[in-house]
Amino acid sequence: MKTLPLTTIPLLAILAATGASAQTVDVAKLTCKQYLVGDIIRRDYLALWLSGYYNGTHNDTIVATDTVQKIADKVSTYCEANLDATLMDAIRSELGVNK
């Protein structure tokens, strides 16, 4: 019997929760308002993506649930004050990511 790496289990859970209707979202085009409302993509999915994006720019392979929440909170705070900004503007401003 083959075993899956521990990191695969959360990914499979997310994929299973999305159901059969997959969608593609260009995060660079999302506004803060769309992020906060969650009508394009669920905020919890984006929080995971934000954490992965941020950690990827820092070559950090560790995922800590409290870090995911802190990143999401920082971005949300920025977005609440800047509804027309893009989500990438929030990432650059609040997380110091310049990619």
Protein backbone atom coordinates (compact mmCIF):
# COMPACT_ATOMS: atom_id res chain seq x y z
CA MET A 1 0.00 0.00 0.00
CA LYS A 2 1.35 3.41 -0.97
CA THR A 3 1.23 6.26 1.49
CA LEU A 4 0.83 9.91 0.64
CA PRO A 5 3.10 12.60 2.01
CA LEU A 6 1.49 14.50 4.88
CA THR A 7 1.46 17.69 2.79
CA THR A 8 -0.77 16.04 0.19
CA ILE A 9 -3.68 15.48 2.54
CA PRO A 10 -4.71 19.17 2.95
CA LEU A 11 -4.41 19.69 -0.79
CA LEU A 12 -6.68 16.73 -1.47
CA ALA A 13 -9.19 18.05 1.05
CA ILE A 14 -9.29 21.42 -0.72
CA LEU A 15 -9.68 19.80 -4.11
CA ALA A 16 -12.46 17.56 -2.87
CA ALA A 17 -14.30 20.53 -1.38
CA THR A 18 -14.26 22.41 -4.68
CA GLY A 19 -16.36 19.75 -6.39
CA ALA A 20 -16.41 19.14 -10.10
CA SER A 21 -16.69 22.77 -11.20
CA ALA A 22 -13.13 24.00 -11.39
CA GLN A 23 -12.45 27.62 -12.12
CA THR A 24 -9.37 29.63 -12.94
CA VAL A 25 -8.81 32.97 -11.23
CA ASP A 26 -6.11 35.50 -12.12
CA VAL A 27 -5.23 36.85 -8.68
CA ALA A 28 -3.43 39.80 -10.26
CA LYS A 29 -6.81 41.06 -11.51
CA LEU A 30 -8.74 40.64 -8.24
CA THR A 31 -9.62 43.81 -6.37
CA CYS A 32 -9.60 44.11 -2.63
CA LYS A 33 -13.38 44.44 -2.68
CA GLN A 34 -13.71 41.15 -4.58
CA TYR A 35 -11.34 39.51 -2.09
CA LEU A 36 -13.30 40.77 0.91
CA VAL A 37 -16.72 39.88 -0.52
CA GLY A 38 -15.52 36.46 -1.61
CA ASP A 39 -17.80 36.34 -4.64
CA ILE A 40 -15.05 35.32 -7.09
CA ILE A 41 -13.22 32.80 -4.91
CA ARG A 42 -13.58 31.84 -1.28
CA ARG A 43 -11.43 33.87 1.10
CA ASP A 44 -10.13 30.78 2.87
CA TYR A 45 -8.78 29.46 -0.45
CA LEU A 46 -7.14 32.79 -1.12
CA ALA A 47 -5.66 32.85 2.39
CA LEU A 48 -3.92 29.56 1.61
CA TRP A 49 -2.77 30.90 -1.75
CA LEU A 50 -1.48 34.10 -0.13
CA SER A 51 0.52 32.10 2.38
CA GLY A 52 1.98 29.91 -0.34
CA TYR A 53 2.80 32.91 -2.52
CA TYR A 54 4.44 34.77 0.35
CA ASN A 55 6.37 31.73 1.57
CA GLY A 56 7.43 30.90 -1.98
CA THR A 57 9.01 34.33 -2.41
CA HIS A 58 11.02 33.64 0.74
CA ASN A 59 11.91 30.03 -0.11
CA ASP A 60 10.06 28.94 3.01
CA THR A 61 8.45 25.51 2.80
CA ILE A 62 6.88 25.54 6.27
CA VAL A 63 3.14 26.14 6.62
CA ALA A 64 2.00 27.27 10.04
CA THR A 65 -1.72 27.84 10.51
CA ASP A 66 -1.17 30.93 12.64
CA THR A 67 1.03 32.40 9.90
CA VAL A 68 -1.66 31.80 7.28
CA GLN A 69 -4.14 33.69 9.47
CA LYS A 70 -1.70 36.56 10.15
CA ILE A 71 -1.04 37.00 6.44
CA ALA A 72 -4.76 36.96 5.66
CA ASP A 73 -5.44 39.47 8.45
CA LYS A 74 -2.78 41.90 7.18
CA VAL A 75 -4.09 41.75 3.64
CA SER A 76 -7.70 42.09 4.81
CA THR A 77 -6.89 45.17 6.89
CA TYR A 78 -5.24 46.82 3.90
CA CYS A 79 -8.12 45.84 1.63
CA GLU A 80 -10.75 47.23 3.99
CA ALA A 81 -9.10 50.65 3.67
CA ASN A 82 -8.39 50.33 -0.09
CA LEU A 83 -11.35 48.60 -1.73
CA ASP A 84 -10.37 49.58 -5.29
CA ALA A 85 -6.77 48.42 -4.95
CA THR A 86 -5.75 45.08 -6.38
CA LEU A 87 -5.04 42.12 -4.15
CA MET A 88 -1.47 42.19 -5.46
CA ASP A 89 -1.17 45.83 -4.27
CA ALA A 90 -2.19 44.62 -0.81
CA ILE A 91 0.39 41.82 -0.94
CA ARG A 92 3.15 44.20 -1.98
CA SER A 93 2.21 46.79 0.63
CA GLU A 94 1.53 44.57 3.62
CA LEU A 95 3.84 41.63 3.02
CA GLY A 96 6.72 43.38 1.29
CA VAL A 97 6.56 41.11 -1.74
CA ASN A 98 7.87 42.89 -4.82
CA LYS A 99 7.41 40.22 -7.47
